[in-house]
Amino acid sequence: MSIREPLSIVPMTAAHATNIGGWRYAAPYAVYDSDAHTADLMLDPANSYHAVVNASGSLVAFCCFGRQAQVPGGDYSDDALDIGVGMHPLLTGQGRGRDLIAAVAEHAELVLGAQRLRATIAAWNQRSIQAATAAGFRRAGTFRQAAGAGGRTFTVLLREPPA
C-alpha cells in the first residue's frame, strides 16, 4: 500500500468507515485508534467525513471538515474552515503527511470554497505539525484543555489564502 499521486477526496462509504474502524497505531499514536463507534460517526453526513484514496483507488486516509475537526477547549470563533486528517497506520512516519495535508487543503479550497483553513494538532505530535507546516500552515497558537476534557495541549495552525 502506498500514497500515489494524485490523491482523491471521495465520499465516505460503509466499507471505508469499517476499514478505518480497525486501524491501530503504535504508541504514542495509539490515541488515534478507531472503533465501531468511529465508523458510525464517519457515516453521518452531518459530520463531513471523507475517504482519501490513491491513484489505484486504495484507501490511504480520511479527512473531515468543520466541527468534527475541532478539539474541545479550543477557541474557534474566528472565520476558518477546520480540517482534520488521519492516515492509514502502515503509511505513517514515512514523510507522506505533507502530500496528504496538501491534498485535503486543496480540496477544501477548490471544492468547498474555503478561504482560510485551520488545523488543531496535539502539541506532542511533531510529525503532524511538521507535515502541516510543510503544506503551507503556520503556527497560530496553542491551548490546553481543561483537566476534565483531557488536559492535553494542542497547537493551532492556519493556512491563509495567497496574498
N, C-alpha and C. Protein backbone atom coordinates (compact mmCIF):
# COMPACT_ATOMS: atom_id res chain seq x y z
N MET A 1 0.84 -1.17 0.00
CA MET A 1 0.00 0.00 0.00
C MET A 1 0.89 1.23 0.00
N SER A 2 0.49 2.23 -0.77
CA SER A 2 1.26 3.46 -0.77
C SER A 2 0.37 4.63 -1.18
N ILE A 3 0.83 5.82 -0.81
CA ILE A 3 0.18 7.01 -1.31
C ILE A 3 0.80 7.28 -2.67
N ARG A 4 -0.03 7.28 -3.68
CA ARG A 4 0.44 7.60 -5.03
C ARG A 4 -0.33 8.82 -5.50
N GLU A 5 0.36 9.74 -6.10
CA GLU A 5 -0.32 10.91 -6.64
C GLU A 5 -1.15 10.49 -7.83
N PRO A 6 -2.28 11.08 -8.10
CA PRO A 6 -2.91 12.07 -7.23
C PRO A 6 -3.77 11.40 -6.16
N LEU A 7 -3.99 12.12 -5.10
CA LEU A 7 -4.92 11.67 -4.07
C LEU A 7 -6.29 12.26 -4.38
N SER A 8 -7.32 11.50 -4.09
CA SER A 8 -8.68 11.97 -4.32
C SER A 8 -9.46 11.92 -3.02
N ILE A 9 -10.25 12.95 -2.79
CA ILE A 9 -11.14 13.02 -1.64
C ILE A 9 -12.51 12.56 -2.17
N VAL A 10 -13.03 11.47 -1.60
CA VAL A 10 -14.27 10.86 -2.09
C VAL A 10 -15.24 10.69 -0.93
N PRO A 11 -16.53 10.49 -1.24
CA PRO A 11 -17.49 10.27 -0.15
C PRO A 11 -17.12 9.05 0.69
N MET A 12 -17.38 9.15 1.98
CA MET A 12 -17.14 8.05 2.90
C MET A 12 -18.19 6.97 2.67
N THR A 13 -17.75 5.74 2.50
CA THR A 13 -18.67 4.62 2.36
C THR A 13 -18.62 3.76 3.62
N ALA A 14 -19.57 2.85 3.75
CA ALA A 14 -19.57 1.93 4.89
C ALA A 14 -18.30 1.08 4.89
N ALA A 15 -17.85 0.66 3.71
CA ALA A 15 -16.63 -0.15 3.63
C ALA A 15 -15.42 0.65 4.10
N HIS A 16 -15.33 1.93 3.70
CA HIS A 16 -14.22 2.78 4.16
C HIS A 16 -14.26 2.91 5.68
N ALA A 17 -15.45 3.26 6.20
CA ALA A 17 -15.58 3.51 7.64
C ALA A 17 -15.26 2.25 8.45
N THR A 18 -15.70 1.10 7.97
CA THR A 18 -15.41 -0.15 8.66
C THR A 18 -13.91 -0.43 8.65
N ASN A 19 -13.28 -0.19 7.52
CA ASN A 19 -11.83 -0.37 7.41
C ASN A 19 -11.11 0.54 8.41
N ILE A 20 -11.47 1.81 8.43
CA ILE A 20 -10.84 2.77 9.33
C ILE A 20 -11.08 2.39 10.79
N GLY A 21 -12.26 1.84 11.08
CA GLY A 21 -12.58 1.41 12.43
C GLY A 21 -11.63 0.37 12.98
N GLY A 22 -10.91 -0.32 12.10
CA GLY A 22 -9.95 -1.33 12.53
C GLY A 22 -8.51 -0.85 12.56
N TRP A 23 -8.27 0.40 12.22
CA TRP A 23 -6.90 0.90 12.21
C TRP A 23 -6.35 0.97 13.63
N ARG A 24 -5.11 0.52 13.80
CA ARG A 24 -4.42 0.56 15.09
C ARG A 24 -3.02 1.14 14.88
N TYR A 25 -2.68 2.09 15.71
CA TYR A 25 -1.39 2.78 15.62
C TYR A 25 -0.47 2.35 16.75
N ALA A 26 0.84 2.43 16.50
CA ALA A 26 1.83 2.17 17.53
C ALA A 26 1.86 3.34 18.51
N ALA A 27 2.22 3.07 19.75
CA ALA A 27 2.35 4.12 20.76
C ALA A 27 3.41 5.12 20.30
N PRO A 28 3.26 6.37 20.57
CA PRO A 28 2.21 7.03 21.34
C PRO A 28 0.98 7.38 20.50
N TYR A 29 0.98 7.01 19.24
CA TYR A 29 -0.10 7.38 18.32
C TYR A 29 -1.36 6.54 18.51
N ALA A 30 -1.33 5.57 19.43
CA ALA A 30 -2.49 4.72 19.68
C ALA A 30 -3.70 5.54 20.15
N VAL A 31 -3.48 6.77 20.59
CA VAL A 31 -4.62 7.62 20.97
C VAL A 31 -5.53 7.89 19.76
N TYR A 32 -5.01 7.64 18.56
CA TYR A 32 -5.79 7.87 17.33
C TYR A 32 -6.51 6.61 16.85
N ASP A 33 -6.41 5.50 17.59
CA ASP A 33 -7.11 4.28 17.20
C ASP A 33 -8.61 4.54 17.07
N SER A 34 -9.22 3.86 16.11
CA SER A 34 -10.65 3.98 15.87
C SER A 34 -11.38 2.76 16.41
N ASP A 35 -12.70 2.83 16.39
CA ASP A 35 -13.52 1.70 16.81
C ASP A 35 -14.83 1.72 16.04
N ALA A 36 -15.75 0.82 16.39
CA ALA A 36 -17.03 0.73 15.68
C ALA A 36 -17.81 2.04 15.80
N HIS A 37 -17.73 2.70 16.95
CA HIS A 37 -18.43 3.98 17.12
C HIS A 37 -17.89 5.02 16.14
N THR A 38 -16.58 5.01 15.93
CA THR A 38 -15.96 5.94 14.99
C THR A 38 -16.53 5.72 13.59
N ALA A 39 -16.73 4.47 13.20
CA ALA A 39 -17.29 4.18 11.88
C ALA A 39 -18.68 4.78 11.75
N ASP A 40 -19.52 4.65 12.78
CA ASP A 40 -20.85 5.24 12.75
C ASP A 40 -20.78 6.75 12.62
N LEU A 41 -19.88 7.37 13.36
CA LEU A 41 -19.68 8.81 13.32
C LEU A 41 -19.29 9.26 11.91
N MET A 42 -18.40 8.50 11.28
CA MET A 42 -17.92 8.85 9.95
C MET A 42 -18.99 8.73 8.87
N LEU A 43 -19.97 7.90 9.09
CA LEU A 43 -21.01 7.69 8.09
C LEU A 43 -22.15 8.70 8.19
N ASP A 44 -22.20 9.47 9.26
CA ASP A 44 -23.23 10.50 9.41
C ASP A 44 -22.83 11.70 8.55
N PRO A 45 -23.61 12.00 7.50
CA PRO A 45 -23.24 13.10 6.59
C PRO A 45 -23.06 14.44 7.31
N ALA A 46 -23.72 14.63 8.43
CA ALA A 46 -23.59 15.89 9.17
C ALA A 46 -22.18 16.08 9.71
N ASN A 47 -21.40 14.99 9.81
CA ASN A 47 -20.05 15.08 10.37
C ASN A 47 -18.97 15.35 9.32
N SER A 48 -19.34 15.36 8.06
CA SER A 48 -18.46 15.76 6.96
C SER A 48 -17.14 15.00 6.88
N TYR A 49 -17.23 13.67 7.03
CA TYR A 49 -16.05 12.82 6.83
C TYR A 49 -15.97 12.36 5.38
N HIS A 50 -14.75 12.24 4.89
CA HIS A 50 -14.48 11.78 3.53
C HIS A 50 -13.34 10.77 3.56
N ALA A 51 -13.32 9.91 2.58
CA ALA A 51 -12.20 8.98 2.41
C ALA A 51 -11.19 9.62 1.48
N VAL A 52 -9.93 9.27 1.66
CA VAL A 52 -8.86 9.71 0.77
C VAL A 52 -8.30 8.45 0.13
N VAL A 53 -8.33 8.41 -1.20
CA VAL A 53 -7.85 7.24 -1.93
C VAL A 53 -6.71 7.66 -2.85
N ASN A 54 -5.83 6.68 -3.14
CA ASN A 54 -4.71 6.96 -4.04
C ASN A 54 -5.13 6.71 -5.48
N ALA A 55 -4.20 6.82 -6.41
CA ALA A 55 -4.50 6.69 -7.83
C ALA A 55 -5.09 5.34 -8.20
N SER A 56 -4.78 4.30 -7.43
CA SER A 56 -5.34 2.98 -7.73
C SER A 56 -6.64 2.71 -6.96
N GLY A 57 -7.12 3.72 -6.23
CA GLY A 57 -8.39 3.59 -5.53
C GLY A 57 -8.30 3.00 -4.14
N SER A 58 -7.09 2.77 -3.64
CA SER A 58 -6.91 2.21 -2.29
C SER A 58 -7.10 3.29 -1.24
N LEU A 59 -7.79 2.93 -0.17
CA LEU A 59 -7.99 3.83 0.95
C LEU A 59 -6.66 4.07 1.66
N VAL A 60 -6.23 5.33 1.73
CA VAL A 60 -4.95 5.65 2.38
C VAL A 60 -5.13 6.56 3.58
N ALA A 61 -6.31 7.20 3.68
CA ALA A 61 -6.51 8.16 4.77
C ALA A 61 -7.99 8.56 4.82
N PHE A 62 -8.29 9.39 5.78
CA PHE A 62 -9.61 10.01 5.84
C PHE A 62 -9.41 11.47 6.22
N CYS A 63 -10.46 12.26 6.03
CA CYS A 63 -10.41 13.65 6.44
C CYS A 63 -11.81 14.08 6.86
N CYS A 64 -11.85 15.17 7.60
CA CYS A 64 -13.14 15.76 7.96
C CYS A 64 -12.98 17.27 7.94
N PHE A 65 -14.13 17.92 7.84
CA PHE A 65 -14.16 19.38 7.75
C PHE A 65 -15.18 19.93 8.74
N GLY A 66 -14.88 21.09 9.31
CA GLY A 66 -15.83 21.74 10.19
C GLY A 66 -15.72 21.27 11.63
N ARG A 67 -16.86 21.18 12.28
CA ARG A 67 -16.94 20.90 13.71
C ARG A 67 -16.21 19.63 14.14
N GLN A 68 -16.25 18.58 13.33
CA GLN A 68 -15.60 17.33 13.70
C GLN A 68 -14.08 17.45 13.78
N ALA A 69 -13.53 18.48 13.15
CA ALA A 69 -12.08 18.68 13.18
C ALA A 69 -11.65 19.58 14.35
N GLN A 70 -12.61 20.05 15.12
CA GLN A 70 -12.30 20.91 16.26
C GLN A 70 -12.07 20.06 17.51
N VAL A 71 -11.28 20.59 18.42
CA VAL A 71 -10.95 19.91 19.67
C VAL A 71 -11.60 20.67 20.82
N PRO A 72 -12.34 19.97 21.69
CA PRO A 72 -12.95 20.66 22.83
C PRO A 72 -11.91 21.46 23.62
N GLY A 73 -12.29 22.72 23.92
CA GLY A 73 -11.42 23.60 24.69
C GLY A 73 -10.75 24.66 23.83
N GLY A 74 -10.79 24.49 22.51
CA GLY A 74 -10.18 25.47 21.62
C GLY A 74 -11.12 26.63 21.33
N ASP A 75 -10.55 27.75 20.91
CA ASP A 75 -11.34 28.92 20.52
C ASP A 75 -11.48 28.88 19.00
N TYR A 76 -12.69 28.63 18.55
CA TYR A 76 -12.95 28.52 17.11
C TYR A 76 -13.88 29.64 16.65
N SER A 77 -13.77 30.80 17.29
CA SER A 77 -14.67 31.91 16.98
C SER A 77 -14.29 32.66 15.71
N ASP A 78 -13.03 32.62 15.30
CA ASP A 78 -12.66 33.33 14.08
C ASP A 78 -13.03 32.51 12.85
N ASP A 79 -13.06 33.17 11.72
CA ASP A 79 -13.54 32.56 10.48
C ASP A 79 -12.46 31.73 9.80
N ALA A 80 -12.62 30.41 9.87
CA ALA A 80 -11.72 29.48 9.19
C ALA A 80 -12.45 28.14 9.10
N LEU A 81 -12.14 27.36 8.08
CA LEU A 81 -12.68 26.01 7.97
C LEU A 81 -11.68 25.07 8.65
N ASP A 82 -12.16 24.33 9.62
CA ASP A 82 -11.31 23.38 10.32
C ASP A 82 -11.19 22.11 9.51
N ILE A 83 -9.97 21.58 9.45
CA ILE A 83 -9.74 20.31 8.75
C ILE A 83 -9.05 19.34 9.71
N GLY A 84 -9.37 18.08 9.52
CA GLY A 84 -8.72 17.02 10.28
C GLY A 84 -8.36 15.89 9.32
N VAL A 85 -7.27 15.21 9.59
CA VAL A 85 -6.85 14.10 8.73
C VAL A 85 -6.36 12.94 9.59
N GLY A 86 -6.49 11.76 9.03
CA GLY A 86 -5.94 10.56 9.66
C GLY A 86 -5.40 9.66 8.56
N MET A 87 -4.16 9.26 8.68
CA MET A 87 -3.51 8.43 7.66
C MET A 87 -3.50 6.97 8.10
N HIS A 88 -3.59 6.08 7.13
CA HIS A 88 -3.51 4.65 7.41
C HIS A 88 -2.25 4.38 8.23
N PRO A 89 -2.35 3.58 9.30
CA PRO A 89 -1.20 3.34 10.17
C PRO A 89 0.04 2.79 9.46
N LEU A 90 -0.15 2.02 8.41
CA LEU A 90 1.01 1.46 7.70
C LEU A 90 1.76 2.52 6.88
N LEU A 91 1.17 3.70 6.73
CA LEU A 91 1.78 4.74 5.91
C LEU A 91 2.39 5.88 6.74
N THR A 92 2.19 5.85 8.05
CA THR A 92 2.67 6.95 8.88
C THR A 92 4.18 6.88 9.07
N GLY A 93 4.76 8.04 9.39
CA GLY A 93 6.18 8.10 9.71
C GLY A 93 7.10 7.92 8.53
N GLN A 94 6.57 8.10 7.32
CA GLN A 94 7.37 7.89 6.11
C GLN A 94 7.49 9.16 5.25
N GLY A 95 7.15 10.31 5.84
CA GLY A 95 7.28 11.57 5.10
C GLY A 95 6.17 11.82 4.10
N ARG A 96 5.04 11.17 4.26
CA ARG A 96 3.94 11.31 3.30
C ARG A 96 2.86 12.27 3.76
N GLY A 97 2.97 12.75 4.99
CA GLY A 97 1.93 13.61 5.57
C GLY A 97 1.73 14.92 4.84
N ARG A 98 2.81 15.52 4.36
CA ARG A 98 2.68 16.80 3.66
C ARG A 98 1.78 16.67 2.45
N ASP A 99 1.98 15.61 1.65
CA ASP A 99 1.16 15.41 0.46
C ASP A 99 -0.30 15.20 0.83
N LEU A 100 -0.55 14.45 1.89
CA LEU A 100 -1.92 14.21 2.33
C LEU A 100 -2.57 15.52 2.77
N ILE A 101 -1.90 16.26 3.63
CA ILE A 101 -2.48 17.51 4.13
C ILE A 101 -2.67 18.51 3.00
N ALA A 102 -1.73 18.57 2.08
CA ALA A 102 -1.86 19.46 0.93
C ALA A 102 -3.07 19.09 0.07
N ALA A 103 -3.30 17.80 -0.13
CA ALA A 103 -4.45 17.36 -0.94
C ALA A 103 -5.77 17.71 -0.25
N VAL A 104 -5.83 17.52 1.06
CA VAL A 104 -7.05 17.85 1.80
C VAL A 104 -7.27 19.36 1.80
N ALA A 105 -6.21 20.14 1.98
CA ALA A 105 -6.32 21.60 1.96
C ALA A 105 -6.77 22.08 0.57
N GLU A 106 -6.21 21.50 -0.46
CA GLU A 106 -6.60 21.88 -1.82
C GLU A 106 -8.08 21.57 -2.07
N HIS A 107 -8.55 20.43 -1.60
CA HIS A 107 -9.97 20.09 -1.73
C HIS A 107 -10.83 21.13 -1.00
N ALA A 108 -10.42 21.49 0.20
CA ALA A 108 -11.17 22.47 0.99
C ALA A 108 -11.24 23.81 0.27
N GLU A 109 -10.15 24.19 -0.34
CA GLU A 109 -10.11 25.49 -1.03
C GLU A 109 -10.84 25.45 -2.37
N LEU A 110 -10.58 24.44 -3.18
CA LEU A 110 -11.15 24.41 -4.53
C LEU A 110 -12.57 23.89 -4.58
N VAL A 111 -12.87 22.86 -3.82
CA VAL A 111 -14.21 22.25 -3.87
C VAL A 111 -15.16 22.89 -2.87
N LEU A 112 -14.69 23.14 -1.66
CA LEU A 112 -15.55 23.69 -0.62
C LEU A 112 -15.52 25.21 -0.57
N GLY A 113 -14.60 25.82 -1.29
CA GLY A 113 -14.53 27.28 -1.35
C GLY A 113 -13.96 27.94 -0.11
N ALA A 114 -13.23 27.21 0.69
CA ALA A 114 -12.65 27.77 1.92
C ALA A 114 -11.57 28.79 1.57
N GLN A 115 -11.57 29.89 2.29
CA GLN A 115 -10.54 30.92 2.10
C GLN A 115 -9.41 30.77 3.11
N ARG A 116 -9.75 30.30 4.29
CA ARG A 116 -8.78 30.21 5.39
C ARG A 116 -9.01 28.87 6.07
N LEU A 117 -7.94 28.13 6.30
CA LEU A 117 -8.03 26.80 6.89
C LEU A 117 -7.35 26.78 8.25
N ARG A 118 -7.87 25.90 9.12
CA ARG A 118 -7.29 25.75 10.45
C ARG A 118 -7.16 24.26 10.76
N ALA A 119 -6.05 23.88 11.36
CA ALA A 119 -5.84 22.51 11.82
C ALA A 119 -5.42 22.58 13.29
N THR A 120 -5.98 21.69 14.09
CA THR A 120 -5.64 21.61 15.51
C THR A 120 -4.99 20.25 15.74
N ILE A 121 -3.76 20.27 16.21
CA ILE A 121 -2.96 19.05 16.33
C ILE A 121 -2.39 18.95 17.74
N ALA A 122 -2.41 17.74 18.30
CA ALA A 122 -1.82 17.54 19.62
C ALA A 122 -0.38 18.06 19.61
N ALA A 123 -0.01 18.85 20.60
CA ALA A 123 1.30 19.50 20.61
C ALA A 123 2.44 18.49 20.60
N TRP A 124 2.25 17.30 21.15
CA TRP A 124 3.31 16.29 21.16
C TRP A 124 3.51 15.65 19.78
N ASN A 125 2.54 15.81 18.88
CA ASN A 125 2.59 15.16 17.57
C ASN A 125 3.39 16.02 16.58
N GLN A 126 4.68 16.07 16.80
CA GLN A 126 5.54 16.91 15.96
C GLN A 126 5.57 16.45 14.50
N ARG A 127 5.38 15.17 14.24
CA ARG A 127 5.33 14.69 12.85
C ARG A 127 4.21 15.39 12.09
N SER A 128 3.03 15.43 12.69
CA SER A 128 1.88 16.05 12.02
C SER A 128 2.03 17.56 11.92
N ILE A 129 2.57 18.18 12.96
CA ILE A 129 2.79 19.63 12.91
C ILE A 129 3.77 19.97 11.81
N GLN A 130 4.84 19.19 11.69
CA GLN A 130 5.82 19.41 10.63
C GLN A 130 5.20 19.22 9.25
N ALA A 131 4.36 18.21 9.09
CA ALA A 131 3.70 17.96 7.80
C ALA A 131 2.77 19.11 7.44
N ALA A 132 2.02 19.60 8.42
CA ALA A 132 1.10 20.71 8.15
C ALA A 132 1.88 21.97 7.79
N THR A 133 2.97 22.22 8.48
CA THR A 133 3.81 23.38 8.19
C THR A 133 4.36 23.28 6.76
N ALA A 134 4.80 22.09 6.38
CA ALA A 134 5.32 21.89 5.02
C ALA A 134 4.23 22.06 3.97
N ALA A 135 2.97 21.87 4.37
CA ALA A 135 1.84 22.03 3.44
C ALA A 135 1.28 23.45 3.45
N GLY A 136 1.99 24.39 4.07
CA GLY A 136 1.59 25.78 4.00
C GLY A 136 0.87 26.33 5.21
N PHE A 137 0.77 25.56 6.29
CA PHE A 137 0.15 26.06 7.51
C PHE A 137 1.22 26.72 8.36
N ARG A 138 0.81 27.69 9.18
CA ARG A 138 1.73 28.32 10.12
C ARG A 138 1.13 28.25 11.52
N ARG A 139 2.01 28.16 12.50
CA ARG A 139 1.55 28.09 13.88
C ARG A 139 0.86 29.39 14.26
N ALA A 140 -0.31 29.25 14.86
CA ALA A 140 -1.08 30.44 15.26
C ALA A 140 -1.30 30.51 16.76
N GLY A 141 -1.01 29.43 17.48
CA GLY A 141 -1.19 29.45 18.93
C GLY A 141 -1.31 28.06 19.49
N THR A 142 -1.52 28.01 20.80
CA THR A 142 -1.71 26.75 21.50
C THR A 142 -2.82 26.94 22.52
N PHE A 143 -3.37 25.83 22.99
CA PHE A 143 -4.29 25.87 24.11
C PHE A 143 -4.20 24.56 24.86
N ARG A 144 -4.57 24.62 26.11
CA ARG A 144 -4.58 23.43 26.96
C ARG A 144 -6.02 23.16 27.36
N GLN A 145 -6.45 21.93 27.16
CA GLN A 145 -7.80 21.54 27.56
C GLN A 145 -7.91 21.55 29.08
N ALA A 146 -9.13 21.74 29.56
CA ALA A 146 -9.39 21.58 30.99
C ALA A 146 -9.12 20.13 31.36
N ALA A 147 -8.76 19.89 32.60
CA ALA A 147 -8.43 18.54 33.04
C ALA A 147 -9.57 17.56 32.76
N GLY A 148 -10.80 17.99 32.93
CA GLY A 148 -11.94 17.11 32.68
C GLY A 148 -12.12 16.75 31.22
N ALA A 149 -11.57 17.55 30.32
CA ALA A 149 -11.67 17.29 28.88
C ALA A 149 -10.44 16.55 28.35
N GLY A 150 -9.51 16.24 29.20
CA GLY A 150 -8.32 15.51 28.78
C GLY A 150 -7.03 16.16 29.22
N GLY A 151 -7.05 17.48 29.42
CA GLY A 151 -5.88 18.18 29.93
C GLY A 151 -4.69 18.20 28.99
N ARG A 152 -4.91 17.95 27.71
CA ARG A 152 -3.80 17.91 26.74
C ARG A 152 -3.60 19.29 26.12
N THR A 153 -2.39 19.51 25.60
CA THR A 153 -2.06 20.76 24.92
C THR A 153 -2.13 20.54 23.42
N PHE A 154 -2.68 21.52 22.71
CA PHE A 154 -2.84 21.44 21.25
C PHE A 154 -2.24 22.66 20.59
N THR A 155 -1.73 22.45 19.40
CA THR A 155 -1.20 23.52 18.55
C THR A 155 -2.23 23.81 17.47
N VAL A 156 -2.51 25.09 17.27
CA VAL A 156 -3.44 25.52 16.23
C VAL A 156 -2.62 26.10 15.10
N LEU A 157 -2.90 25.64 13.88
CA LEU A 157 -2.18 26.11 12.70
C LEU A 157 -3.18 26.68 11.69
N LEU A 158 -2.77 27.71 10.96
CA LEU A 158 -3.62 28.34 9.95
C LEU A 158 -2.96 28.31 8.59
N ARG A 159 -3.79 28.22 7.57
CA ARG A 159 -3.34 28.38 6.19
C ARG A 159 -4.17 29.48 5.59
N GLU A 160 -3.50 30.57 5.26
CA GLU A 160 -4.16 31.76 4.74
C GLU A 160 -4.15 31.71 3.22
N PRO A 161 -5.09 32.43 2.59
CA PRO A 161 -5.06 32.49 1.12
C PRO A 161 -3.81 33.24 0.66
N PRO A 162 -3.32 32.93 -0.53
CA PRO A 162 -2.14 33.66 -1.03
C PRO A 162 -2.44 35.14 -1.17
N ALA A 163 -1.45 35.95 -0.88
CA ALA A 163 -1.64 37.41 -0.95
C ALA A 163 -1.68 37.91 -2.37
